[in-house]
Amino acid sequence: MRPALRALAREAWLRPANLVAPLFVTEAARGRREIPSMPGQFQLGQGDLLKEAEEHARAGVPALLLFGLPARKDARGSGAWARNGAVQRAVRALKRRFPGLVVMTDVCLCEYTSHGHCGLVRRGRGGAFEIANDPTLELLARTALSHAEAGADVVAPSDMMDGRVAAIRAALDKAGLGNTAILSYAAKYASAFYGPFREAAGSAPSFGDRRSHQMDPGNRREALREMALDLEEGADMLMVKPGLAYLDILREARDRFEAPLAAYSVSAEYSMVKAAAARGWVDGGALRDEILLSMRRAGADLILTYFAKEYALDHPQGA
């Protein structure tokens, strides 16, 4: 078949317009520290974030997702909703400089708490520590509201607390910020694919794990129930995370829900490709493209990926 005819008949395309770039921002005015396990990714000071955003915009990447790295942490994660926190300052600066850029913000406490968990921690029965779901909801809503007030277009709760979408939607509506969209990490699995991210964000739990609130990798029906619940609570978009190991969930979600659907191509997916390519074991660009296209083919409308700028520079018209 001739190339032009193959292009006409192709079922799935991936274009830079489908991509969202996750970036890590600190409270420092300047600074650019490479993340050892994620070559080519950086912890960025406020000024360096603007430079990175400009490079992404010039490459054709239309959206960023911000993760904040506070200078200080405490048990409640109070830096998450601080007016002059890393994310809040970054959002204001980005919207001033690049008003057409879509700015998304991660809403969770794990980067901000001294213990590294996604919510408040308390002692449960038998003296064991547990996540206090309901008291955490107020803090997540405060965090999302602070991001929206700074100008975020989309807030993305990644904590997996029960009821957090409803709490955030209520807070946004009450403040007259109902146009701020919610991208829910609706099907977020307790995965081994997050290791490099936890180094990048300094968010590894100091004790225990996150299996009490993140999903069991063996569960499929639960993911679809969680997605339906989040839509009922007011989510505008849904996410499956990780992307590559959960393409079946992505496909079923696409078949069932009309809402925009996102896949997160997570840190270990990026790191594995980079490590293998550096050793000459694989064609890194071709492998990257195939992984991202698989998520698009499975039904993702948008893909959050650390490859965003790289892919856009290599394929300005898509592939």
C-alpha atoms as a PDB file:
ATOM      1  CA  MET A   1       0.000   0.000   0.000  1.00  0.00           C
ATOM      2  CA  ARG A   2       1.315   3.427  -0.906  1.00  0.00           C
ATOM      3  CA  PRO A   3       2.333   5.721   1.993  1.00  0.00           C
ATOM      4  CA  ALA A   4      -0.328   8.320   1.172  1.00  0.00           C
ATOM      5  CA  LEU A   5      -3.053   5.657   1.137  1.00  0.00           C
ATOM      6  CA  ARG A   6      -1.768   4.174   4.412  1.00  0.00           C
ATOM      7  CA  ALA A   7      -2.039   7.627   5.952  1.00  0.00           C
ATOM      8  CA  LEU A   8      -5.610   8.016   4.712  1.00  0.00           C
ATOM      9  CA  ALA A   9      -6.592   4.655   6.177  1.00  0.00           C
ATOM     10  CA  ARG A  10      -4.820   5.005   9.506  1.00  0.00           C
ATOM     11  CA  GLU A  11      -7.155   4.631  12.473  1.00  0.00           C
ATOM     12  CA  ALA A  12      -5.201   6.381  15.241  1.00  0.00           C
ATOM     13  CA  TRP A  13      -2.937   9.415  15.171  1.00  0.00           C
ATOM     14  CA  LEU A  14      -0.910  11.007  17.917  1.00  0.00           C
ATOM     15  CA  ARG A  15      -0.280  14.739  17.637  1.00  0.00           C
ATOM     16  CA  PRO A  16       1.441  17.216  19.960  1.00  0.00           C
ATOM     17  CA  ALA A  17      -2.015  18.661  20.679  1.00  0.00           C
ATOM     18  CA  ASN A  18      -2.843  15.415  22.528  1.00  0.00           C
ATOM     19  CA  LEU A  19       0.050  15.773  24.980  1.00  0.00           C
ATOM     20  CA  VAL A  20       0.436  17.197  28.491  1.00  0.00           C
ATOM     21  CA  ALA A  21       3.916  17.659  29.974  1.00  0.00           C
ATOM     22  CA  PRO A  22       4.355  17.044  33.727  1.00  0.00           C
ATOM     23  CA  LEU A  23       6.883  19.437  35.306  1.00  0.00           C
ATOM     24  CA  PHE A  24       8.330  19.725  38.814  1.00  0.00           C
ATOM     25  CA  VAL A  25       8.548  23.231  40.265  1.00  0.00           C
ATOM     26  CA  THR A  26      10.275  24.436  43.435  1.00  0.00           C
ATOM     27  CA  GLU A  27       9.843  27.588  45.485  1.00  0.00           C
ATOM     28  CA  ALA A  28      13.300  28.856  44.497  1.00  0.00           C
ATOM     29  CA  ALA A  29      13.565  31.833  42.167  1.00  0.00           C
ATOM     30  CA  ARG A  30      15.945  29.915  39.959  1.00  0.00           C
ATOM     31  CA  GLY A  31      17.489  26.484  39.682  1.00  0.00           C
ATOM     32  CA  ARG A  32      17.541  23.490  37.394  1.00  0.00           C
ATOM     33  CA  ARG A  33      18.477  20.163  38.964  1.00  0.00           C
ATOM     34  CA  GLU A  34      18.362  17.070  36.785  1.00  0.00           C
ATOM     35  CA  ILE A  35      16.534  14.083  38.257  1.00  0.00           C
ATOM     36  CA  PRO A  36      19.049  11.187  38.260  1.00  0.00           C
ATOM     37  CA  SER A  37      16.539   8.450  37.469  1.00  0.00           C
ATOM     38  CA  MET A  38      14.802  10.549  34.779  1.00  0.00           C
ATOM     39  CA  PRO A  39      17.465  11.885  32.389  1.00  0.00           C
ATOM     40  CA  GLY A  40      16.318  15.078  30.708  1.00  0.00           C
ATOM     41  CA  GLN A  41      13.774  15.915  33.445  1.00  0.00           C
ATOM     42  CA  PHE A  42      14.429  18.565  36.072  1.00  0.00           C
ATOM     43  CA  GLN A  43      13.348  20.108  39.328  1.00  0.00           C
ATOM     44  CA  LEU A  44      12.824  23.688  38.199  1.00  0.00           C
ATOM     45  CA  GLY A  45      12.947  27.010  40.005  1.00  0.00           C
ATOM     46  CA  GLN A  46      10.289  29.554  39.111  1.00  0.00           C
ATOM     47  CA  GLY A  47      12.321  31.331  36.422  1.00  0.00           C
ATOM     48  CA  ASP A  48      13.556  28.107  34.862  1.00  0.00           C
ATOM     49  CA  LEU A  49       9.998  26.797  34.772  1.00  0.00           C
ATOM     50  CA  LEU A  50       9.050  29.742  32.538  1.00  0.00           C
ATOM     51  CA  LYS A  51      11.915  28.922  30.172  1.00  0.00           C
ATOM     52  CA  GLU A  52      10.864  25.280  30.058  1.00  0.00           C
ATOM     53  CA  ALA A  53       7.236  26.256  29.456  1.00  0.00           C
ATOM     54  CA  GLU A  54       8.289  28.453  26.548  1.00  0.00           C
ATOM     55  CA  GLU A  55      10.226  25.564  24.993  1.00  0.00           C
ATOM     56  CA  HIS A  56       7.210  23.280  25.309  1.00  0.00           C
ATOM     57  CA  ALA A  57       4.892  25.899  23.833  1.00  0.00           C
ATOM     58  CA  ARG A  58       7.198  26.499  20.884  1.00  0.00           C
ATOM     59  CA  ALA A  59       7.310  22.754  20.262  1.00  0.00           C
ATOM     60  CA  GLY A  60       3.513  22.681  20.120  1.00  0.00           C
ATOM     61  CA  VAL A  61       2.731  21.111  23.493  1.00  0.00           C
ATOM     62  CA  PRO A  62      -0.474  22.850  24.621  1.00  0.00           C
ATOM     63  CA  ALA A  63      -0.624  21.927  28.320  1.00  0.00           C
ATOM     64  CA  LEU A  64       1.496  21.455  31.442  1.00  0.00           C
ATOM     65  CA  LEU A  65       0.803  19.602  34.689  1.00  0.00           C
ATOM     66  CA  LEU A  66       2.588  21.083  37.701  1.00  0.00           C
ATOM     67  CA  PHE A  67       3.901  19.226  40.744  1.00  0.00           C
ATOM     68  CA  GLY A  68       5.080  21.390  43.638  1.00  0.00           C
ATOM     69  CA  LEU A  69       8.225  20.817  45.700  1.00  0.00           C
ATOM     70  CA  PRO A  70       8.004  22.837  48.934  1.00  0.00           C
ATOM     71  CA  ALA A  71      10.987  24.177  50.848  1.00  0.00           C
ATOM     72  CA  ARG A  72       9.525  22.810  54.094  1.00  0.00           C
ATOM     73  CA  LYS A  73       7.135  19.989  54.923  1.00  0.00           C
ATOM     74  CA  ASP A  74       4.889  19.290  57.903  1.00  0.00           C
ATOM     75  CA  ALA A  75       2.469  16.609  59.028  1.00  0.00           C
ATOM     76  CA  ARG A  76      -0.549  18.366  57.463  1.00  0.00           C
ATOM     77  CA  GLY A  77       1.111  19.306  54.182  1.00  0.00           C
ATOM     78  CA  SER A  78       0.237  22.977  54.657  1.00  0.00           C
ATOM     79  CA  GLY A  79       2.498  24.051  51.799  1.00  0.00           C
ATOM     80  CA  ALA A  80      -0.036  22.515  49.425  1.00  0.00           C
ATOM     81  CA  TRP A  81      -2.511  25.377  49.851  1.00  0.00           C
ATOM     82  CA  ALA A  82      -0.117  28.213  50.712  1.00  0.00           C
ATOM     83  CA  ARG A  83      -0.923  31.319  48.675  1.00  0.00           C
ATOM     84  CA  ASN A  84       2.734  31.768  47.728  1.00  0.00           C
ATOM     85  CA  GLY A  85       3.537  28.085  47.447  1.00  0.00           C
ATOM     86  CA  ALA A  86       5.540  26.702  44.557  1.00  0.00           C
ATOM     87  CA  VAL A  87       2.542  25.785  42.418  1.00  0.00           C
ATOM     88  CA  GLN A  88       0.487  28.883  43.183  1.00  0.00           C
ATOM     89  CA  ARG A  89       3.327  31.231  42.226  1.00  0.00           C
ATOM     90  CA  ALA A  90       4.098  29.193  39.134  1.00  0.00           C
ATOM     91  CA  VAL A  91       0.484  29.224  37.937  1.00  0.00           C
ATOM     92  CA  ARG A  92       0.233  33.008  38.249  1.00  0.00           C
ATOM     93  CA  ALA A  93       3.511  33.504  36.380  1.00  0.00           C
ATOM     94  CA  LEU A  94       2.600  31.039  33.631  1.00  0.00           C
ATOM     95  CA  LYS A  95      -0.812  32.560  33.005  1.00  0.00           C
ATOM     96  CA  ARG A  96       0.711  36.052  32.814  1.00  0.00           C
ATOM     97  CA  ARG A  97       3.422  34.996  30.367  1.00  0.00           C
ATOM     98  CA  PHE A  98       1.529  32.390  28.341  1.00  0.00           C
ATOM     99  CA  PRO A  99      -2.208  33.107  28.593  1.00  0.00           C
ATOM    100  CA  GLY A 100      -3.056  30.519  25.941  1.00  0.00           C
ATOM    101  CA  LEU A 101      -1.237  27.685  27.689  1.00  0.00           C
ATOM    102  CA  VAL A 102      -3.432  25.168  29.514  1.00  0.00           C
ATOM    103  CA  VAL A 103      -2.149  24.940  33.082  1.00  0.00           C
ATOM    104  CA  MET A 104      -3.074  21.866  35.105  1.00  0.00           C
ATOM    105  CA  THR A 105      -2.097  21.257  38.723  1.00  0.00           C
ATOM    106  CA  ASP A 106      -1.693  18.072  40.693  1.00  0.00           C
ATOM    107  CA  VAL A 107      -3.773  18.093  43.880  1.00  0.00           C
ATOM    108  CA  CYS A 108      -2.352  15.807  46.561  1.00  0.00           C
ATOM    109  CA  LEU A 109      -0.572  16.146  49.896  1.00  0.00           C
ATOM    110  CA  CYS A 110       2.199  13.578  49.400  1.00  0.00           C
ATOM    111  CA  GLU A 111       4.768  16.087  48.119  1.00  0.00           C
ATOM    112  CA  TYR A 112       4.052  18.370  51.086  1.00  0.00           C
ATOM    113  CA  THR A 113       3.717  16.064  54.091  1.00  0.00           C
ATOM    114  CA  SER A 114       6.676  15.170  56.263  1.00  0.00           C
ATOM    115  CA  HIS A 115       5.555  11.517  56.251  1.00  0.00           C
ATOM    116  CA  GLY A 116       5.031  11.337  52.474  1.00  0.00           C
ATOM    117  CA  HIS A 117       1.439  10.110  52.546  1.00  0.00           C
ATOM    118  CA  CYS A 118      -1.391  11.497  50.441  1.00  0.00           C
ATOM    119  CA  GLY A 119      -3.534  12.532  53.410  1.00  0.00           C
ATOM    120  CA  LEU A 120      -3.601  13.106  57.136  1.00  0.00           C
ATOM    121  CA  VAL A 121      -2.298  10.219  59.204  1.00  0.00           C
ATOM    122  CA  ARG A 122      -3.763   8.989  62.486  1.00  0.00           C
ATOM    123  CA  ARG A 123      -3.416   5.949  64.722  1.00  0.00           C
ATOM    124  CA  GLY A 124      -6.120   3.406  64.107  1.00  0.00           C
ATOM    125  CA  ARG A 125      -7.111   0.234  65.893  1.00  0.00           C
ATOM    126  CA  GLY A 126      -4.208  -1.583  67.463  1.00  0.00           C
ATOM    127  CA  GLY A 127      -2.021   1.515  67.248  1.00  0.00           C
ATOM    128  CA  ALA A 128      -1.274   1.134  63.528  1.00  0.00           C
ATOM    129  CA  PHE A 129      -1.157   4.253  61.368  1.00  0.00           C
ATOM    130  CA  GLU A 130      -3.919   4.834  58.812  1.00  0.00           C
ATOM    131  CA  ILE A 131      -4.965   7.553  56.388  1.00  0.00           C
ATOM    132  CA  ALA A 132      -7.801   9.725  57.725  1.00  0.00           C
ATOM    133  CA  ASN A 133      -9.972   9.986  54.610  1.00  0.00           C
ATOM    134  CA  ASP A 134     -12.672  12.486  55.590  1.00  0.00           C
ATOM    135  CA  PRO A 135     -10.457  15.036  57.397  1.00  0.00           C
ATOM    136  CA  THR A 136      -8.181  15.001  54.352  1.00  0.00           C
ATOM    137  CA  LEU A 137     -10.978  16.097  52.011  1.00  0.00           C
ATOM    138  CA  GLU A 138     -11.090  19.628  53.409  1.00  0.00           C
ATOM    139  CA  LEU A 139      -7.345  20.060  52.842  1.00  0.00           C
ATOM    140  CA  LEU A 140      -7.545  18.747  49.290  1.00  0.00           C
ATOM    141  CA  ALA A 141     -10.413  21.140  48.557  1.00  0.00           C
ATOM    142  CA  ARG A 142      -8.371  24.042  50.008  1.00  0.00           C
ATOM    143  CA  THR A 143      -5.447  23.058  47.821  1.00  0.00           C
ATOM    144  CA  ALA A 144      -7.526  22.836  44.646  1.00  0.00           C
ATOM    145  CA  LEU A 145      -9.192  26.150  45.426  1.00  0.00           C
ATOM    146  CA  SER A 146      -5.834  27.871  45.919  1.00  0.00           C
ATOM    147  CA  HIS A 147      -4.697  26.592  42.527  1.00  0.00           C
ATOM    148  CA  ALA A 148      -7.892  27.741  40.830  1.00  0.00           C
ATOM    149  CA  GLU A 149      -7.660  31.180  42.455  1.00  0.00           C
ATOM    150  CA  ALA A 150      -4.121  31.472  41.086  1.00  0.00           C
ATOM    151  CA  GLY A 151      -5.493  30.821  37.608  1.00  0.00           C
ATOM    152  CA  ALA A 152      -5.205  27.068  36.989  1.00  0.00           C
ATOM    153  CA  ASP A 153      -7.397  25.868  34.155  1.00  0.00           C
ATOM    154  CA  VAL A 154      -7.590  22.291  35.454  1.00  0.00           C
ATOM    155  CA  VAL A 155      -7.076  20.776  38.912  1.00  0.00           C
ATOM    156  CA  ALA A 156      -6.147  17.095  39.011  1.00  0.00           C
ATOM    157  CA  PRO A 157      -6.699  15.269  42.323  1.00  0.00           C
ATOM    158  CA  SER A 158      -4.335  12.289  42.499  1.00  0.00           C
ATOM    159  CA  ASP A 159      -4.773  11.330  46.167  1.00  0.00           C
ATOM    160  CA  MET A 160      -7.468   8.658  45.669  1.00  0.00           C
ATOM    161  CA  MET A 161      -9.401   9.630  48.816  1.00  0.00           C
ATOM    162  CA  ASP A 162     -13.078   8.677  48.680  1.00  0.00           C
ATOM    163  CA  GLY A 163     -15.270  11.706  47.955  1.00  0.00           C
ATOM    164  CA  ARG A 164     -12.510  14.109  46.994  1.00  0.00           C
ATOM    165  CA  VAL A 165     -14.003  15.063  43.636  1.00  0.00           C
ATOM    166  CA  ALA A 166     -17.290  16.077  45.261  1.00  0.00           C
ATOM    167  CA  ALA A 167     -15.460  18.097  47.931  1.00  0.00           C
ATOM    168  CA  ILE A 168     -13.361  19.911  45.336  1.00  0.00           C
ATOM    169  CA  ARG A 169     -16.319  20.574  43.052  1.00  0.00           C
ATOM    170  CA  ALA A 170     -18.321  22.019  45.944  1.00  0.00           C
ATOM    171  CA  ALA A 171     -15.448  24.301  46.972  1.00  0.00           C
ATOM    172  CA  LEU A 172     -14.893  25.553  43.424  1.00  0.00           C
ATOM    173  CA  ASP A 173     -18.586  26.186  42.825  1.00  0.00           C
ATOM    174  CA  LYS A 174     -18.994  28.004  46.124  1.00  0.00           C
ATOM    175  CA  ALA A 175     -16.098  30.311  45.224  1.00  0.00           C
ATOM    176  CA  GLY A 176     -17.532  31.085  41.794  1.00  0.00           C
ATOM    177  CA  LEU A 177     -14.836  29.034  40.052  1.00  0.00           C
ATOM    178  CA  GLY A 178     -17.094  26.425  38.551  1.00  0.00           C
ATOM    179  CA  ASN A 179     -15.384  26.798  35.162  1.00  0.00           C
ATOM    180  CA  THR A 180     -12.208  25.263  36.582  1.00  0.00           C
ATOM    181  CA  ALA A 181     -12.165  21.722  35.243  1.00  0.00           C
ATOM    182  CA  ILE A 182     -11.436  18.631  37.339  1.00  0.00           C
ATOM    183  CA  LEU A 183      -9.270  15.903  35.854  1.00  0.00           C
ATOM    184  CA  SER A 184      -9.668  13.008  38.244  1.00  0.00           C
ATOM    185  CA  TYR A 185      -7.023  10.356  38.723  1.00  0.00           C
ATOM    186  CA  ALA A 186     -10.017   8.030  38.778  1.00  0.00           C
ATOM    187  CA  ALA A 187      -8.221   4.720  38.203  1.00  0.00           C
ATOM    188  CA  LYS A 188      -4.847   5.079  39.908  1.00  0.00           C
ATOM    189  CA  TYR A 189      -3.229   1.791  40.736  1.00  0.00           C
ATOM    190  CA  ALA A 190      -0.789   0.904  43.516  1.00  0.00           C
ATOM    191  CA  SER A 191       2.018   0.452  41.046  1.00  0.00           C
ATOM    192  CA  ALA A 192       5.749  -0.186  40.989  1.00  0.00           C
ATOM    193  CA  PHE A 193       5.952   2.186  38.007  1.00  0.00           C
ATOM    194  CA  TYR A 194       6.048   5.292  40.251  1.00  0.00           C
ATOM    195  CA  GLY A 195       9.569   4.858  41.644  1.00  0.00           C
ATOM    196  CA  PRO A 196      11.399   7.569  39.670  1.00  0.00           C
ATOM    197  CA  PHE A 197       8.553  10.031  40.282  1.00  0.00           C
ATOM    198  CA  ARG A 198       8.856   9.603  44.035  1.00  0.00           C
ATOM    199  CA  GLU A 199      12.525  10.504  43.772  1.00  0.00           C
ATOM    200  CA  ALA A 200      11.672  13.521  41.627  1.00  0.00           C
ATOM    201  CA  ALA A 201       8.934  14.767  43.957  1.00  0.00           C
ATOM    202  CA  GLY A 202      10.488  13.647  47.241  1.00  0.00           C
ATOM    203  CA  SER A 203       7.219  11.911  48.028  1.00  0.00           C
ATOM    204  CA  ALA A 204       8.130   8.368  49.053  1.00  0.00           C
ATOM    205  CA  PRO A 205       6.225   7.341  52.229  1.00  0.00           C
ATOM    206  CA  SER A 206       8.436   7.270  55.316  1.00  0.00           C
ATOM    207  CA  PHE A 207       6.459   4.242  56.561  1.00  0.00           C
ATOM    208  CA  GLY A 208       3.838   1.901  55.174  1.00  0.00           C
ATOM    209  CA  ASP A 209       2.544   2.137  51.614  1.00  0.00           C
ATOM    210  CA  ARG A 210      -0.432   3.478  49.649  1.00  0.00           C
ATOM    211  CA  ARG A 211      -2.336   0.272  49.060  1.00  0.00           C
ATOM    212  CA  SER A 212      -5.123   1.363  51.387  1.00  0.00           C
ATOM    213  CA  HIS A 213      -6.310   3.991  48.911  1.00  0.00           C
ATOM    214  CA  GLN A 214      -4.665   3.224  45.565  1.00  0.00           C
ATOM    215  CA  MET A 215      -6.186   0.420  43.528  1.00  0.00           C
ATOM    216  CA  ASP A 216      -5.202  -3.242  43.505  1.00  0.00           C
ATOM    217  CA  PRO A 217      -3.526  -4.013  40.134  1.00  0.00           C
ATOM    218  CA  GLY A 218      -5.690  -7.122  39.841  1.00  0.00           C
ATOM    219  CA  ASN A 219      -8.974  -5.191  39.840  1.00  0.00           C
ATOM    220  CA  ARG A 220     -10.730  -4.185  36.635  1.00  0.00           C
ATOM    221  CA  ARG A 221     -14.374  -3.737  37.625  1.00  0.00           C
ATOM    222  CA  GLU A 222     -13.409  -1.579  40.591  1.00  0.00           C
ATOM    223  CA  ALA A 223     -11.701   0.876  38.232  1.00  0.00           C
ATOM    224  CA  LEU A 224     -14.861   1.318  36.199  1.00  0.00           C
ATOM    225  CA  ARG A 225     -16.938   1.814  39.355  1.00  0.00           C
ATOM    226  CA  GLU A 226     -14.507   4.477  40.598  1.00  0.00           C
ATOM    227  CA  MET A 227     -14.654   6.285  37.281  1.00  0.00           C
ATOM    228  CA  ALA A 228     -18.439   6.311  37.265  1.00  0.00           C
ATOM    229  CA  LEU A 229     -18.514   7.637  40.830  1.00  0.00           C
ATOM    230  CA  ASP A 230     -16.088  10.446  40.003  1.00  0.00           C
ATOM    231  CA  LEU A 231     -18.230  11.537  37.065  1.00  0.00           C
ATOM    232  CA  GLU A 232     -21.285  11.577  39.343  1.00  0.00           C
ATOM    233  CA  GLU A 233     -19.339  13.745  41.828  1.00  0.00           C
ATOM    234  CA  GLY A 234     -18.502  16.328  39.172  1.00  0.00           C
ATOM    235  CA  ALA A 235     -15.307  15.276  37.391  1.00  0.00           C
ATOM    236  CA  ASP A 236     -14.944  16.683  33.880  1.00  0.00           C
ATOM    237  CA  MET A 237     -12.215  14.289  32.750  1.00  0.00           C
ATOM    238  CA  LEU A 238     -10.966  10.881  33.866  1.00  0.00           C
ATOM    239  CA  MET A 239      -7.475   9.425  34.048  1.00  0.00           C
ATOM    240  CA  VAL A 240      -5.991   5.937  34.023  1.00  0.00           C
ATOM    241  CA  LYS A 241      -2.583   5.688  35.724  1.00  0.00           C
ATOM    242  CA  PRO A 242      -0.213   4.057  34.844  1.00  0.00           C
ATOM    243  CA  GLY A 243      -0.936   3.929  31.142  1.00  0.00           C
ATOM    244  CA  LEU A 244       1.130   1.165  29.582  1.00  0.00           C
ATOM    245  CA  ALA A 245       0.337  -1.690  31.989  1.00  0.00           C
ATOM    246  CA  TYR A 246      -3.384  -0.776  32.106  1.00  0.00           C
ATOM    247  CA  LEU A 247      -4.355  -0.413  28.452  1.00  0.00           C
ATOM    248  CA  ASP A 248      -7.239  -2.829  29.032  1.00  0.00           C
ATOM    249  CA  ILE A 249      -8.711  -0.445  31.617  1.00  0.00           C
ATOM    250  CA  LEU A 250      -8.242   2.470  29.244  1.00  0.00           C
ATOM    251  CA  ARG A 251     -10.045   0.623  26.453  1.00  0.00           C
ATOM    252  CA  GLU A 252     -12.975  -0.376  28.662  1.00  0.00           C
ATOM    253  CA  ALA A 253     -13.271   3.162  29.988  1.00  0.00           C
ATOM    254  CA  ARG A 254     -13.359   4.506  26.440  1.00  0.00           C
ATOM    255  CA  ASP A 255     -16.133   2.091  25.516  1.00  0.00           C
ATOM    256  CA  ARG A 256     -18.197   2.997  28.574  1.00  0.00           C
ATOM    257  CA  PHE A 257     -17.724   6.749  29.170  1.00  0.00           C
ATOM    258  CA  GLU A 258     -18.178   9.758  26.910  1.00  0.00           C
ATOM    259  CA  ALA A 259     -16.077  12.092  29.089  1.00  0.00           C
ATOM    260  CA  PRO A 260     -12.575  13.071  27.941  1.00  0.00           C
ATOM    261  CA  LEU A 261     -10.135  10.351  28.912  1.00  0.00           C
ATOM    262  CA  ALA A 262      -6.474  10.719  29.876  1.00  0.00           C
ATOM    263  CA  ALA A 263      -3.660   8.215  30.232  1.00  0.00           C
ATOM    264  CA  TYR A 264      -0.554   8.935  32.304  1.00  0.00           C
ATOM    265  CA  SER A 265       2.619   7.517  30.784  1.00  0.00           C
ATOM    266  CA  VAL A 266       4.405   7.429  34.112  1.00  0.00           C
ATOM    267  CA  SER A 267       7.966   7.934  35.272  1.00  0.00           C
ATOM    268  CA  ALA A 268       9.194   4.341  35.082  1.00  0.00           C
ATOM    269  CA  GLU A 269       7.938   4.029  31.510  1.00  0.00           C
ATOM    270  CA  TYR A 270      10.078   7.038  30.632  1.00  0.00           C
ATOM    271  CA  SER A 271      13.085   5.845  32.641  1.00  0.00           C
ATOM    272  CA  MET A 272      13.031   2.330  31.187  1.00  0.00           C
ATOM    273  CA  VAL A 273      13.048   3.623  27.626  1.00  0.00           C
ATOM    274  CA  LYS A 274      15.819   6.107  28.384  1.00  0.00           C
ATOM    275  CA  ALA A 275      17.968   3.503  30.158  1.00  0.00           C
ATOM    276  CA  ALA A 276      17.606   0.888  27.419  1.00  0.00           C
ATOM    277  CA  ALA A 277      18.227   3.440  24.662  1.00  0.00           C
ATOM    278  CA  ALA A 278      21.353   4.730  26.413  1.00  0.00           C
ATOM    279  CA  ARG A 279      22.759   1.186  26.306  1.00  0.00           C
ATOM    280  CA  GLY A 280      21.922   0.727  22.652  1.00  0.00           C
ATOM    281  CA  TRP A 281      19.453  -2.040  23.380  1.00  0.00           C
ATOM    282  CA  VAL A 282      16.469  -0.325  21.729  1.00  0.00           C
ATOM    283  CA  ASP A 283      15.626   2.478  19.344  1.00  0.00           C
ATOM    284  CA  GLY A 284      14.432   4.913  22.001  1.00  0.00           C
ATOM    285  CA  GLY A 285      12.449   7.179  19.705  1.00  0.00           C
ATOM    286  CA  ALA A 286      10.638   4.325  17.980  1.00  0.00           C
ATOM    287  CA  LEU A 287       9.836   2.652  21.299  1.00  0.00           C
ATOM    288  CA  ARG A 288       8.587   5.941  22.748  1.00  0.00           C
ATOM    289  CA  ASP A 289       6.324   6.494  19.756  1.00  0.00           C
ATOM    290  CA  GLU A 290       4.877   2.991  19.909  1.00  0.00           C
ATOM    291  CA  ILE A 291       4.124   3.237  23.630  1.00  0.00           C
ATOM    292  CA  LEU A 292       2.388   6.592  23.297  1.00  0.00           C
ATOM    293  CA  LEU A 293       0.439   5.542  20.217  1.00  0.00           C
ATOM    294  CA  SER A 294      -0.814   2.447  22.059  1.00  0.00           C
ATOM    295  CA  MET A 295      -2.490   4.721  24.618  1.00  0.00           C
ATOM    296  CA  ARG A 296      -4.035   6.865  21.920  1.00  0.00           C
ATOM    297  CA  ARG A 297      -5.264   3.757  20.080  1.00  0.00           C
ATOM    298  CA  ALA A 298      -6.732   2.371  23.313  1.00  0.00           C
ATOM    299  CA  GLY A 299      -8.862   5.499  23.634  1.00  0.00           C
ATOM    300  CA  ALA A 300      -6.945   8.279  25.384  1.00  0.00           C
ATOM    301  CA  ASP A 301      -7.865  11.791  24.287  1.00  0.00           C
ATOM    302  CA  LEU A 302      -4.846  13.232  26.079  1.00  0.00           C
ATOM    303  CA  ILE A 303      -1.626  11.659  27.294  1.00  0.00           C
ATOM    304  CA  LEU A 304       0.433  12.970  30.184  1.00  0.00           C
ATOM    305  CA  THR A 305       4.027  12.120  29.360  1.00  0.00           C
ATOM    306  CA  TYR A 306       7.570  13.181  30.159  1.00  0.00           C
ATOM    307  CA  PHE A 307       8.266  12.610  26.463  1.00  0.00           C
ATOM    308  CA  ALA A 308       5.926  15.462  25.439  1.00  0.00           C
ATOM    309  CA  LYS A 309       8.460  18.046  24.241  1.00  0.00           C
ATOM    310  CA  GLU A 310      10.738  15.410  22.722  1.00  0.00           C
ATOM    311  CA  TYR A 311       7.874  13.823  20.780  1.00  0.00           C
ATOM    312  CA  ALA A 312       6.546  17.187  19.598  1.00  0.00           C
ATOM    313  CA  LEU A 313       9.954  18.234  18.298  1.00  0.00           C
ATOM    314  CA  ASP A 314      10.357  14.934  16.436  1.00  0.00           C
ATOM    315  CA  HIS A 315       6.774  14.897  15.081  1.00  0.00           C
ATOM    316  CA  PRO A 316       5.455  18.476  14.782  1.00  0.00           C
ATOM    317  CA  GLN A 317       2.607  17.255  12.541  1.00  0.00           C
ATOM    318  CA  GLY A 318       1.980  14.090  14.534  1.00  0.00           C
ATOM    319  CA  ALA A 319       2.473  10.464  13.601  1.00  0.00           C
END
